[in-house]
Amino acid sequence: MKRVENLQFVIDNFINWKKQGLSIGEISQKTGISKSTIYRHLDVIAESNNCTRDELLSISETKNDVQNDQNSISEKWDNIISELDKLISEISKEEDRND
């Protein structure tokens, strides 16, 4: 694919890739277009997708924020379960001693 065709490919697919959580670096690797070239063309990409440059850049940040929140909740939940397991074990040991 020629460089101009690659750039058009990026313009056409940028939003979908960002929604999938791809970074500009990953898009660069996927397309063979340098990160700096992608950054230089963000205004064109934004205009082609009827949004602003900032909106383009925030797409993956929002997805990453949600993913980070989900990971944090999952870790907290795992800690709660672990603490409950310990308490149940301690209660069981205490009951065995009292029998």
Protein backbone atom coordinates (compact mmCIF):
# COMPACT_ATOMS: atom_id res chain seq x y z
CA MET A 1 0.00 0.00 0.00
CA LYS A 2 1.31 3.45 -0.86
CA ARG A 3 1.89 5.99 1.90
CA VAL A 4 -1.06 8.18 0.79
CA GLU A 5 -3.33 5.11 0.70
CA ASN A 6 -2.10 4.19 4.20
CA LEU A 7 -2.95 7.66 5.46
CA GLN A 8 -6.44 7.43 3.97
CA PHE A 9 -6.78 4.01 5.60
CA VAL A 10 -5.90 5.60 8.97
CA ILE A 11 -8.40 8.42 8.39
CA ASP A 12 -11.13 5.91 7.54
CA ASN A 13 -10.44 3.59 10.49
CA PHE A 14 -9.01 5.80 13.24
CA ILE A 15 -12.20 6.08 15.34
CA ASN A 16 -12.81 2.32 15.31
CA TRP A 17 -9.23 1.60 16.36
CA LYS A 18 -9.40 4.15 19.17
CA LYS A 19 -12.70 2.65 20.37
CA GLN A 20 -10.95 -0.73 20.43
CA GLY A 21 -8.42 0.86 22.76
CA LEU A 22 -5.49 1.11 20.37
CA SER A 23 -2.96 3.82 21.11
CA ILE A 24 -1.51 6.01 18.39
CA GLY A 25 1.68 3.96 18.72
CA GLU A 26 -0.26 0.76 18.07
CA ILE A 27 -2.05 2.37 15.12
CA SER A 28 1.36 3.43 13.83
CA GLN A 29 2.64 -0.15 14.03
CA LYS A 30 -0.54 -1.48 12.42
CA THR A 31 -0.35 0.89 9.44
CA GLY A 32 3.36 1.57 9.02
CA ILE A 33 2.77 5.31 9.38
CA SER A 34 4.91 7.04 11.98
CA LYS A 35 3.31 8.36 15.15
CA SER A 36 4.44 11.88 14.28
CA THR A 37 2.69 11.68 10.90
CA ILE A 38 -0.51 10.48 12.56
CA TYR A 39 -0.32 13.32 15.11
CA ARG A 40 0.30 15.83 12.31
CA HIS A 41 -2.84 14.61 10.52
CA LEU A 42 -5.17 14.45 13.55
CA ASP A 43 -6.98 17.60 12.39
CA VAL A 44 -7.73 15.97 9.03
CA ILE A 45 -8.79 12.77 10.76
CA ALA A 46 -11.01 14.75 13.15
CA GLU A 47 -12.61 16.72 10.34
CA SER A 48 -13.26 13.51 8.38
CA ASN A 49 -15.01 12.09 11.46
CA ASN A 50 -16.94 15.26 12.36
CA CYS A 51 -15.20 15.78 15.69
CA THR A 52 -12.31 17.68 17.21
CA ARG A 53 -8.71 16.64 17.65
CA ASP A 54 -9.23 16.60 21.43
CA GLU A 55 -12.26 14.32 21.07
CA LEU A 56 -10.17 11.91 18.99
CA LEU A 57 -7.48 11.77 21.63
CA SER A 58 -9.96 11.35 24.48
CA ILE A 59 -11.63 8.26 22.96
CA SER A 60 -8.99 5.84 24.16
CA GLU A 61 -8.36 7.76 27.37
CA THR A 62 -11.99 7.24 28.31
CA LYS A 63 -11.79 3.55 27.43
CA ASN A 64 -8.54 3.18 29.36
CA ASP A 65 -10.05 5.00 32.35
CA VAL A 66 -13.00 2.59 32.33
CA GLN A 67 -10.64 -0.38 32.02
CA ASN A 68 -8.52 0.91 34.91
CA ASP A 69 -11.67 1.38 37.02
CA GLN A 70 -12.79 -2.16 36.20
CA ASN A 71 -9.38 -3.53 37.15
CA SER A 72 -9.41 -1.57 40.39
CA ILE A 73 -12.89 -2.83 41.29
CA SER A 74 -11.86 -6.38 40.45
CA GLU A 75 -8.77 -6.13 42.66
CA LYS A 76 -10.82 -4.69 45.52
CA TRP A 77 -13.39 -7.44 45.14
CA ASP A 78 -10.66 -10.09 45.21
CA ASN A 79 -9.28 -8.52 48.40
CA ILE A 80 -12.72 -8.53 50.03
CA ILE A 81 -13.24 -12.20 49.14
CA SER A 82 -9.80 -13.05 50.49
CA GLU A 83 -10.51 -11.24 53.77
CA LEU A 84 -13.87 -12.98 54.08
CA ASP A 85 -12.22 -16.35 53.52
CA LYS A 86 -9.75 -15.57 56.31
CA LEU A 87 -12.54 -14.54 58.68
CA ILE A 88 -14.54 -17.67 57.90
CA SER A 89 -11.45 -19.78 58.54
CA GLU A 90 -10.81 -18.03 61.86
CA ILE A 91 -14.45 -18.49 62.92
CA SER A 92 -14.28 -22.17 62.00
CA LYS A 93 -11.10 -22.64 64.06
CA GLU A 94 -12.68 -20.81 66.99
CA GLU A 95 -15.80 -22.99 66.79
CA ASP A 96 -13.62 -26.13 66.69
CA ARG A 97 -11.80 -24.99 69.83
CA ASN A 98 -15.09 -24.38 71.62
CA ASP A 99 -16.45 -27.83 70.81
